[in-house]
N, C-alpha and C. Protein backbone atom coordinates (compact mmCIF):
# COMPACT_ATOMS: atom_id res chain seq x y z
N MET A 1 37.23 12.80 5.34
CA MET A 1 35.88 13.26 5.58
C MET A 1 35.07 13.32 4.33
N ARG A 2 35.64 13.69 3.21
CA ARG A 2 34.94 13.73 1.94
C ARG A 2 34.41 12.34 1.53
N ILE A 3 35.22 11.37 1.82
CA ILE A 3 34.83 9.97 1.41
C ILE A 3 33.58 9.55 2.25
N LEU A 4 33.51 9.97 3.53
CA LEU A 4 32.31 9.64 4.32
C LEU A 4 31.06 10.29 3.77
N VAL A 5 31.22 11.54 3.32
CA VAL A 5 30.06 12.23 2.75
C VAL A 5 29.62 11.52 1.47
N LYS A 6 30.58 11.13 0.64
CA LYS A 6 30.25 10.42 -0.62
C LYS A 6 29.57 9.06 -0.33
N ILE A 7 30.07 8.37 0.67
CA ILE A 7 29.48 7.08 1.03
C ILE A 7 28.06 7.28 1.56
N ALA A 8 27.92 8.27 2.42
CA ALA A 8 26.56 8.55 2.98
C ALA A 8 25.58 8.91 1.87
N THR A 9 26.04 9.76 0.95
CA THR A 9 25.19 10.16 -0.18
C THR A 9 24.82 8.97 -1.03
N PHE A 10 25.80 8.10 -1.32
CA PHE A 10 25.54 6.91 -2.10
C PHE A 10 24.49 6.01 -1.43
N LEU A 11 24.67 5.78 -0.11
CA LEU A 11 23.75 4.91 0.61
C LEU A 11 22.35 5.52 0.64
N TYR A 12 22.26 6.84 0.81
CA TYR A 12 20.93 7.51 0.78
C TYR A 12 20.27 7.31 -0.57
N LEU A 13 21.00 7.56 -1.66
CA LEU A 13 20.42 7.40 -2.96
C LEU A 13 20.05 5.97 -3.26
N LEU A 14 20.87 5.05 -2.80
CA LEU A 14 20.60 3.60 -3.02
C LEU A 14 19.31 3.26 -2.24
N GLY A 15 19.20 3.68 -1.03
CA GLY A 15 17.99 3.40 -0.25
C GLY A 15 16.75 4.00 -0.85
N SER A 16 16.88 5.23 -1.37
CA SER A 16 15.73 5.89 -2.03
C SER A 16 15.31 5.14 -3.26
N SER A 17 16.25 4.73 -4.05
CA SER A 17 15.89 4.01 -5.30
C SER A 17 15.27 2.66 -5.04
N ILE A 18 15.74 1.99 -4.00
CA ILE A 18 15.15 0.69 -3.64
C ILE A 18 13.71 0.91 -3.15
N ASN A 19 13.44 1.97 -2.35
CA ASN A 19 12.12 2.24 -1.88
C ASN A 19 11.18 2.59 -3.06
N ILE A 20 11.66 3.38 -4.01
CA ILE A 20 10.85 3.76 -5.16
C ILE A 20 10.53 2.51 -5.97
N TYR A 21 11.50 1.66 -6.17
CA TYR A 21 11.30 0.39 -6.92
C TYR A 21 10.26 -0.49 -6.20
N ALA A 22 10.41 -0.63 -4.90
CA ALA A 22 9.45 -1.46 -4.15
C ALA A 22 8.05 -0.86 -4.22
N GLN A 23 7.97 0.46 -4.13
CA GLN A 23 6.62 1.09 -4.19
C GLN A 23 6.01 0.88 -5.58
N GLN A 24 6.83 0.98 -6.60
CA GLN A 24 6.30 0.80 -7.96
C GLN A 24 5.83 -0.65 -8.18
N GLU A 25 6.57 -1.60 -7.60
CA GLU A 25 6.13 -2.99 -7.67
C GLU A 25 4.75 -3.17 -7.02
N THR A 26 4.58 -2.53 -5.85
CA THR A 26 3.30 -2.61 -5.13
C THR A 26 2.17 -2.01 -5.97
N ILE A 27 2.47 -0.83 -6.56
CA ILE A 27 1.45 -0.19 -7.41
C ILE A 27 1.08 -1.07 -8.61
N ASP A 28 2.11 -1.64 -9.24
CA ASP A 28 1.83 -2.51 -10.40
C ASP A 28 0.99 -3.72 -9.98
N SER A 29 1.31 -4.30 -8.88
CA SER A 29 0.60 -5.47 -8.37
C SER A 29 -0.88 -5.11 -8.06
N LEU A 30 -1.09 -3.98 -7.43
CA LEU A 30 -2.45 -3.54 -7.10
C LEU A 30 -3.23 -3.29 -8.38
N ASN A 31 -2.61 -2.61 -9.37
CA ASN A 31 -3.30 -2.35 -10.60
C ASN A 31 -3.72 -3.62 -11.34
N LEU A 32 -2.89 -4.65 -11.29
CA LEU A 32 -3.23 -5.92 -11.90
C LEU A 32 -4.46 -6.57 -11.21
N ARG A 33 -4.54 -6.43 -9.91
CA ARG A 33 -5.65 -7.03 -9.18
C ARG A 33 -7.00 -6.34 -9.43
N LEU A 34 -6.98 -5.09 -9.91
CA LEU A 34 -8.20 -4.36 -10.10
C LEU A 34 -9.16 -5.04 -11.10
N ASN A 35 -8.60 -5.75 -12.08
CA ASN A 35 -9.40 -6.38 -13.14
C ASN A 35 -10.06 -7.69 -12.72
N THR A 36 -9.64 -8.22 -11.60
CA THR A 36 -10.12 -9.54 -11.23
C THR A 36 -10.73 -9.62 -9.84
N THR A 37 -11.30 -8.53 -9.37
CA THR A 37 -11.77 -8.54 -7.99
C THR A 37 -13.13 -7.87 -7.84
N SER A 38 -13.72 -8.00 -6.67
CA SER A 38 -15.05 -7.45 -6.38
C SER A 38 -14.96 -5.94 -6.15
N ASP A 39 -16.09 -5.29 -6.16
CA ASP A 39 -16.09 -3.83 -5.96
C ASP A 39 -15.53 -3.40 -4.62
N SER A 40 -15.85 -4.18 -3.57
CA SER A 40 -15.36 -3.77 -2.24
C SER A 40 -13.85 -3.86 -2.18
N ILE A 41 -13.26 -4.85 -2.83
CA ILE A 41 -11.77 -4.96 -2.87
C ILE A 41 -11.23 -3.86 -3.79
N LYS A 42 -11.93 -3.54 -4.84
CA LYS A 42 -11.49 -2.44 -5.73
C LYS A 42 -11.39 -1.13 -4.93
N VAL A 43 -12.40 -0.88 -4.12
CA VAL A 43 -12.39 0.34 -3.29
C VAL A 43 -11.14 0.36 -2.41
N LYS A 44 -10.84 -0.75 -1.78
CA LYS A 44 -9.68 -0.83 -0.88
C LYS A 44 -8.39 -0.59 -1.72
N ILE A 45 -8.37 -1.18 -2.88
CA ILE A 45 -7.18 -1.03 -3.74
C ILE A 45 -7.03 0.44 -4.20
N TYR A 46 -8.13 1.04 -4.63
CA TYR A 46 -8.05 2.44 -5.07
C TYR A 46 -7.63 3.35 -3.91
N CYS A 47 -8.12 3.06 -2.67
CA CYS A 47 -7.69 3.86 -1.53
C CYS A 47 -6.21 3.67 -1.23
N GLU A 48 -5.74 2.46 -1.37
CA GLU A 48 -4.31 2.20 -1.14
C GLU A 48 -3.47 2.87 -2.25
N LEU A 49 -3.92 2.82 -3.48
CA LEU A 49 -3.21 3.51 -4.55
C LEU A 49 -3.20 5.03 -4.29
N SER A 50 -4.27 5.55 -3.81
CA SER A 50 -4.32 6.95 -3.49
C SER A 50 -3.26 7.27 -2.45
N ARG A 51 -3.13 6.45 -1.43
CA ARG A 51 -2.09 6.66 -0.38
C ARG A 51 -0.68 6.60 -1.00
N LEU A 52 -0.46 5.60 -1.84
CA LEU A 52 0.86 5.41 -2.41
C LEU A 52 1.28 6.57 -3.35
N TYR A 53 0.30 7.14 -4.04
CA TYR A 53 0.59 8.24 -4.97
C TYR A 53 0.58 9.61 -4.33
N LEU A 54 0.17 9.71 -3.06
CA LEU A 54 -0.09 11.00 -2.44
C LEU A 54 1.04 12.01 -2.63
N GLU A 55 2.26 11.61 -2.36
CA GLU A 55 3.36 12.53 -2.43
C GLU A 55 3.99 12.63 -3.81
N SER A 56 3.99 11.51 -4.51
CA SER A 56 4.70 11.50 -5.82
C SER A 56 3.82 11.99 -6.98
N SER A 57 2.51 11.77 -6.88
CA SER A 57 1.63 12.19 -7.95
C SER A 57 0.22 12.49 -7.39
N PRO A 58 0.05 13.70 -6.88
CA PRO A 58 -1.24 14.05 -6.29
C PRO A 58 -2.43 13.89 -7.23
N ILE A 59 -2.21 14.09 -8.53
CA ILE A 59 -3.32 13.93 -9.49
C ILE A 59 -3.78 12.47 -9.51
N LEU A 60 -2.84 11.52 -9.57
CA LEU A 60 -3.20 10.10 -9.54
C LEU A 60 -3.78 9.72 -8.18
N SER A 61 -3.31 10.34 -7.11
CA SER A 61 -3.89 10.08 -5.79
C SER A 61 -5.34 10.51 -5.78
N MET A 62 -5.62 11.69 -6.33
CA MET A 62 -6.97 12.19 -6.40
C MET A 62 -7.87 11.29 -7.25
N ARG A 63 -7.38 10.88 -8.41
CA ARG A 63 -8.18 10.04 -9.32
C ARG A 63 -8.51 8.73 -8.63
N ASN A 64 -7.57 8.12 -7.94
CA ASN A 64 -7.86 6.83 -7.27
C ASN A 64 -8.82 6.98 -6.14
N ALA A 65 -8.66 8.04 -5.36
CA ALA A 65 -9.60 8.31 -4.27
C ALA A 65 -11.01 8.57 -4.80
N GLN A 66 -11.10 9.28 -5.89
CA GLN A 66 -12.42 9.58 -6.51
C GLN A 66 -13.04 8.29 -7.05
N LYS A 67 -12.24 7.41 -7.63
CA LYS A 67 -12.79 6.12 -8.12
C LYS A 67 -13.34 5.32 -6.95
N ALA A 68 -12.61 5.32 -5.86
CA ALA A 68 -13.05 4.57 -4.65
C ALA A 68 -14.37 5.18 -4.17
N PHE A 69 -14.42 6.51 -4.16
CA PHE A 69 -15.64 7.21 -3.69
C PHE A 69 -16.85 6.89 -4.59
N ASP A 70 -16.60 6.94 -5.91
CA ASP A 70 -17.68 6.69 -6.86
C ASP A 70 -18.24 5.26 -6.73
N ILE A 71 -17.36 4.24 -6.63
CA ILE A 71 -17.84 2.87 -6.47
C ILE A 71 -18.58 2.74 -5.13
N SER A 72 -18.00 3.28 -4.08
CA SER A 72 -18.61 3.16 -2.73
C SER A 72 -19.98 3.81 -2.70
N THR A 73 -20.10 4.98 -3.35
CA THR A 73 -21.38 5.67 -3.37
C THR A 73 -22.41 4.89 -4.16
N SER A 74 -22.00 4.35 -5.30
CA SER A 74 -22.96 3.59 -6.10
C SER A 74 -23.41 2.33 -5.39
N ARG A 75 -22.57 1.77 -4.59
CA ARG A 75 -22.90 0.57 -3.82
C ARG A 75 -23.48 0.86 -2.43
N LYS A 76 -23.50 2.16 -2.09
CA LYS A 76 -23.97 2.58 -0.76
C LYS A 76 -23.20 1.87 0.37
N TRP A 77 -21.86 1.84 0.15
CA TRP A 77 -20.98 1.15 1.10
C TRP A 77 -20.30 2.21 1.96
N ASP A 78 -20.80 2.39 3.16
CA ASP A 78 -20.36 3.51 4.03
C ASP A 78 -18.89 3.44 4.39
N TRP A 79 -18.36 2.25 4.66
CA TRP A 79 -16.92 2.15 4.99
C TRP A 79 -16.09 2.69 3.85
N GLY A 80 -16.38 2.33 2.61
CA GLY A 80 -15.64 2.81 1.45
C GLY A 80 -15.81 4.30 1.24
N ILE A 81 -17.02 4.80 1.48
CA ILE A 81 -17.27 6.25 1.36
C ILE A 81 -16.37 6.99 2.39
N ALA A 82 -16.37 6.52 3.63
CA ALA A 82 -15.59 7.19 4.68
C ALA A 82 -14.11 7.19 4.34
N ASP A 83 -13.59 6.02 3.91
CA ASP A 83 -12.18 5.94 3.62
C ASP A 83 -11.79 6.78 2.41
N SER A 84 -12.63 6.75 1.39
CA SER A 84 -12.28 7.55 0.20
C SER A 84 -12.42 9.06 0.47
N GLU A 85 -13.37 9.45 1.32
CA GLU A 85 -13.45 10.86 1.70
C GLU A 85 -12.21 11.28 2.46
N ASN A 86 -11.71 10.39 3.33
CA ASN A 86 -10.50 10.65 4.07
C ASN A 86 -9.32 10.80 3.11
N ARG A 87 -9.24 9.95 2.11
CA ARG A 87 -8.15 10.02 1.09
C ARG A 87 -8.25 11.32 0.30
N LEU A 88 -9.46 11.72 -0.06
CA LEU A 88 -9.61 13.00 -0.76
C LEU A 88 -9.18 14.16 0.13
N GLY A 89 -9.49 14.07 1.40
CA GLY A 89 -9.03 15.07 2.37
C GLY A 89 -7.50 15.16 2.39
N ASN A 90 -6.87 13.97 2.36
CA ASN A 90 -5.40 13.93 2.35
C ASN A 90 -4.81 14.65 1.13
N VAL A 91 -5.44 14.40 -0.03
CA VAL A 91 -4.96 15.04 -1.24
C VAL A 91 -5.01 16.55 -1.09
N PHE A 92 -6.14 17.05 -0.63
CA PHE A 92 -6.31 18.52 -0.45
C PHE A 92 -5.38 19.05 0.63
N TYR A 93 -5.14 18.27 1.68
CA TYR A 93 -4.21 18.68 2.74
C TYR A 93 -2.84 18.85 2.18
N PHE A 94 -2.36 17.89 1.41
CA PHE A 94 -1.01 17.98 0.83
C PHE A 94 -0.93 19.09 -0.24
N ALA A 95 -2.07 19.45 -0.82
CA ALA A 95 -2.11 20.57 -1.76
C ALA A 95 -2.28 21.92 -1.06
N THR A 96 -2.26 21.89 0.28
CA THR A 96 -2.48 23.04 1.16
C THR A 96 -3.81 23.73 0.94
N ASN A 97 -4.82 23.00 0.46
CA ASN A 97 -6.17 23.52 0.40
C ASN A 97 -6.88 23.02 1.67
N PHE A 98 -6.58 23.70 2.78
CA PHE A 98 -7.02 23.21 4.09
C PHE A 98 -8.52 23.27 4.30
N ASN A 99 -9.20 24.24 3.70
CA ASN A 99 -10.66 24.31 3.82
C ASN A 99 -11.34 23.09 3.16
N LYS A 100 -10.84 22.75 1.97
CA LYS A 100 -11.43 21.62 1.26
C LYS A 100 -11.06 20.29 2.00
N ALA A 101 -9.83 20.23 2.50
CA ALA A 101 -9.43 19.03 3.28
C ALA A 101 -10.31 18.86 4.48
N LEU A 102 -10.58 19.97 5.21
CA LEU A 102 -11.39 19.90 6.42
C LEU A 102 -12.79 19.41 6.05
N GLU A 103 -13.33 19.91 4.92
CA GLU A 103 -14.65 19.50 4.48
C GLU A 103 -14.71 17.97 4.30
N TYR A 104 -13.72 17.39 3.63
CA TYR A 104 -13.71 15.94 3.41
C TYR A 104 -13.46 15.19 4.74
N TYR A 105 -12.58 15.72 5.59
CA TYR A 105 -12.31 15.04 6.87
C TYR A 105 -13.57 15.02 7.74
N LEU A 106 -14.35 16.10 7.71
CA LEU A 106 -15.56 16.11 8.51
C LEU A 106 -16.64 15.19 7.95
N GLN A 107 -16.71 15.11 6.63
CA GLN A 107 -17.63 14.15 6.03
C GLN A 107 -17.25 12.70 6.38
N SER A 108 -15.93 12.42 6.32
CA SER A 108 -15.45 11.09 6.69
C SER A 108 -15.76 10.79 8.16
N LEU A 109 -15.50 11.77 9.01
CA LEU A 109 -15.78 11.59 10.46
C LEU A 109 -17.24 11.28 10.69
N ASN A 110 -18.14 12.01 10.04
CA ASN A 110 -19.58 11.75 10.24
C ASN A 110 -19.96 10.35 9.83
N THR A 111 -19.41 9.88 8.75
CA THR A 111 -19.71 8.50 8.30
C THR A 111 -19.12 7.48 9.27
N ARG A 112 -17.90 7.75 9.72
CA ARG A 112 -17.27 6.83 10.67
C ARG A 112 -17.98 6.79 11.99
N LEU A 113 -18.49 7.95 12.44
CA LEU A 113 -19.30 7.97 13.66
C LEU A 113 -20.55 7.12 13.49
N LYS A 114 -21.18 7.23 12.36
CA LYS A 114 -22.38 6.43 12.09
C LYS A 114 -22.07 4.91 12.12
N LEU A 115 -20.84 4.58 11.62
CA LEU A 115 -20.45 3.18 11.57
C LEU A 115 -19.97 2.65 12.95
N GLY A 116 -19.56 3.59 13.82
CA GLY A 116 -18.92 3.23 15.10
C GLY A 116 -17.51 2.71 14.94
N ASP A 117 -16.84 3.15 13.88
CA ASP A 117 -15.45 2.73 13.53
C ASP A 117 -14.47 3.56 14.39
N GLU A 118 -14.15 3.06 15.62
CA GLU A 118 -13.33 3.81 16.54
C GLU A 118 -11.95 4.15 15.98
N SER A 119 -11.34 3.20 15.30
CA SER A 119 -10.01 3.49 14.69
C SER A 119 -10.13 4.57 13.62
N GLY A 120 -11.15 4.48 12.77
CA GLY A 120 -11.33 5.50 11.75
C GLY A 120 -11.68 6.83 12.35
N ILE A 121 -12.49 6.84 13.40
CA ILE A 121 -12.85 8.07 14.07
C ILE A 121 -11.60 8.73 14.64
N ALA A 122 -10.72 7.95 15.24
CA ALA A 122 -9.49 8.49 15.80
C ALA A 122 -8.62 9.09 14.70
N ASP A 123 -8.55 8.43 13.53
CA ASP A 123 -7.81 8.98 12.41
C ASP A 123 -8.41 10.29 11.93
N SER A 124 -9.71 10.36 11.85
CA SER A 124 -10.40 11.57 11.42
C SER A 124 -10.14 12.70 12.41
N TYR A 125 -10.26 12.43 13.69
CA TYR A 125 -9.95 13.47 14.70
C TYR A 125 -8.55 13.95 14.54
N ASN A 126 -7.62 13.04 14.32
CA ASN A 126 -6.21 13.43 14.18
C ASN A 126 -6.04 14.33 12.93
N ASN A 127 -6.66 13.94 11.82
CA ASN A 127 -6.53 14.74 10.63
C ASN A 127 -7.13 16.11 10.77
N ILE A 128 -8.25 16.21 11.46
CA ILE A 128 -8.89 17.49 11.73
C ILE A 128 -7.97 18.35 12.63
N SER A 129 -7.35 17.69 13.59
CA SER A 129 -6.39 18.40 14.43
C SER A 129 -5.26 19.01 13.60
N LEU A 130 -4.80 18.26 12.60
CA LEU A 130 -3.70 18.77 11.74
C LEU A 130 -4.15 20.01 10.97
N ILE A 131 -5.38 20.05 10.52
CA ILE A 131 -5.95 21.21 9.83
C ILE A 131 -5.94 22.43 10.75
N TYR A 132 -6.36 22.21 12.02
CA TYR A 132 -6.37 23.34 12.97
C TYR A 132 -4.96 23.77 13.34
N ILE A 133 -4.00 22.89 13.33
CA ILE A 133 -2.58 23.27 13.55
C ILE A 133 -2.18 24.20 12.40
N GLU A 134 -2.46 23.83 11.18
CA GLU A 134 -2.09 24.64 10.03
C GLU A 134 -2.77 26.01 10.05
N SER A 135 -4.00 26.07 10.52
CA SER A 135 -4.69 27.37 10.60
C SER A 135 -4.43 28.11 11.87
N LYS A 136 -3.50 27.58 12.70
CA LYS A 136 -3.06 28.22 13.94
C LYS A 136 -4.18 28.34 14.98
N ASN A 137 -5.21 27.49 14.88
CA ASN A 137 -6.23 27.41 15.87
C ASN A 137 -5.84 26.30 16.85
N TYR A 138 -4.92 26.62 17.75
CA TYR A 138 -4.33 25.59 18.62
C TYR A 138 -5.27 25.03 19.64
N PHE A 139 -6.28 25.84 20.02
CA PHE A 139 -7.30 25.35 20.97
C PHE A 139 -8.06 24.20 20.36
N LYS A 140 -8.55 24.40 19.12
CA LYS A 140 -9.29 23.36 18.42
C LYS A 140 -8.37 22.18 18.06
N ALA A 141 -7.14 22.48 17.68
CA ALA A 141 -6.22 21.45 17.34
C ALA A 141 -6.00 20.49 18.53
N ARG A 142 -5.79 21.09 19.69
CA ARG A 142 -5.61 20.29 20.92
C ARG A 142 -6.86 19.47 21.25
N GLU A 143 -8.03 20.11 21.11
CA GLU A 143 -9.29 19.44 21.36
C GLU A 143 -9.40 18.15 20.53
N TYR A 144 -9.15 18.25 19.26
CA TYR A 144 -9.26 17.08 18.39
C TYR A 144 -8.17 16.07 18.58
N ALA A 145 -6.94 16.56 18.86
CA ALA A 145 -5.82 15.64 19.14
C ALA A 145 -6.13 14.83 20.41
N LEU A 146 -6.74 15.45 21.41
CA LEU A 146 -7.07 14.72 22.61
C LEU A 146 -8.18 13.71 22.40
N LYS A 147 -9.15 14.06 21.57
CA LYS A 147 -10.19 13.09 21.24
C LYS A 147 -9.60 11.87 20.52
N SER A 148 -8.68 12.14 19.60
CA SER A 148 -7.99 11.04 18.89
C SER A 148 -7.18 10.19 19.85
N LEU A 149 -6.44 10.85 20.76
CA LEU A 149 -5.62 10.14 21.74
C LEU A 149 -6.51 9.22 22.62
N SER A 150 -7.65 9.73 23.06
CA SER A 150 -8.54 8.94 23.90
C SER A 150 -8.98 7.65 23.20
N LEU A 151 -9.37 7.76 21.93
CA LEU A 151 -9.79 6.58 21.19
C LEU A 151 -8.60 5.65 20.90
N ASN A 152 -7.44 6.23 20.59
CA ASN A 152 -6.27 5.37 20.33
C ASN A 152 -5.87 4.62 21.59
N ARG A 153 -6.00 5.25 22.73
CA ARG A 153 -5.71 4.53 23.99
C ARG A 153 -6.73 3.38 24.18
N LYS A 154 -7.98 3.70 23.92
CA LYS A 154 -9.02 2.69 24.08
C LYS A 154 -8.80 1.48 23.18
N THR A 155 -8.33 1.71 21.93
CA THR A 155 -8.14 0.62 20.98
C THR A 155 -6.68 0.08 21.04
N ARG A 156 -5.90 0.67 21.92
CA ARG A 156 -4.49 0.27 22.11
C ARG A 156 -3.65 0.40 20.83
N ASP A 157 -3.92 1.46 20.09
CA ASP A 157 -3.19 1.71 18.86
C ASP A 157 -1.94 2.52 19.20
N LYS A 158 -0.82 1.80 19.35
CA LYS A 158 0.43 2.42 19.80
C LYS A 158 0.94 3.44 18.81
N GLN A 159 0.83 3.14 17.52
CA GLN A 159 1.31 4.12 16.54
C GLN A 159 0.45 5.37 16.54
N GLY A 160 -0.84 5.20 16.68
CA GLY A 160 -1.78 6.33 16.77
C GLY A 160 -1.46 7.16 18.01
N ILE A 161 -1.20 6.54 19.13
CA ILE A 161 -0.88 7.23 20.36
C ILE A 161 0.40 8.07 20.18
N ALA A 162 1.38 7.45 19.53
CA ALA A 162 2.68 8.16 19.31
C ALA A 162 2.44 9.39 18.39
N VAL A 163 1.62 9.24 17.40
CA VAL A 163 1.31 10.37 16.49
C VAL A 163 0.58 11.46 17.27
N ASN A 164 -0.36 11.05 18.14
CA ASN A 164 -1.08 12.04 18.95
C ASN A 164 -0.16 12.81 19.86
N TYR A 165 0.76 12.14 20.55
CA TYR A 165 1.67 12.82 21.44
C TYR A 165 2.61 13.76 20.66
N ASN A 166 3.00 13.32 19.46
CA ASN A 166 3.81 14.17 18.62
C ASN A 166 3.05 15.46 18.26
N ASN A 167 1.81 15.29 17.84
CA ASN A 167 1.00 16.48 17.46
C ASN A 167 0.72 17.36 18.69
N LEU A 168 0.47 16.76 19.84
CA LEU A 168 0.24 17.58 21.02
C LEU A 168 1.48 18.35 21.41
N SER A 169 2.66 17.75 21.23
CA SER A 169 3.92 18.48 21.51
C SER A 169 4.08 19.66 20.55
N ILE A 170 3.74 19.45 19.27
CA ILE A 170 3.81 20.55 18.30
C ILE A 170 2.88 21.68 18.69
N ILE A 171 1.67 21.31 19.09
CA ILE A 171 0.67 22.31 19.55
C ILE A 171 1.22 23.09 20.76
N ALA A 172 1.81 22.37 21.71
CA ALA A 172 2.34 23.03 22.90
C ALA A 172 3.47 23.99 22.56
N LEU A 173 4.30 23.61 21.61
CA LEU A 173 5.39 24.47 21.19
C LEU A 173 4.92 25.71 20.43
N MET A 174 3.83 25.57 19.68
CA MET A 174 3.34 26.63 18.84
C MET A 174 2.54 27.69 19.62
N LYS A 175 2.00 27.30 20.76
CA LYS A 175 1.17 28.22 21.54
C LYS A 175 1.93 29.43 21.96
């Protein structure tokens, strides 16, 4: 039995180190592309870097999201503004500053509504639902989860639908 535990531990650590290595390669590759690309691509890269750093380095995640926001704002590029606001919301969510996260998620939602970005709107509704779950406002959490689910069904986003059902089940259990 001890040998099975050792093997399982070894395989877990091996898998974790491979994932970290692959993520670092992706980060390095994205950072190299920043010097040779247009502003709109830079915004997308900064948003992706923010996502990749979210759990391992929240400060770097915040810096990258802020860079994306600054470029998008200077170019008046609404899609980039919405995505970077969403990334900033994620940083504050993971830092458990739910009021600030909600502020950014609502700003992102408003921009996405203006753009008619149904997929982005569904993501924003889902993120807002998560804030309400954390604040134990299950009525509002359910309301936003259902809005997200409706749009994810419309766009046939299977992963989004699965996330919505997961969140709705959490809400049902917490009531």
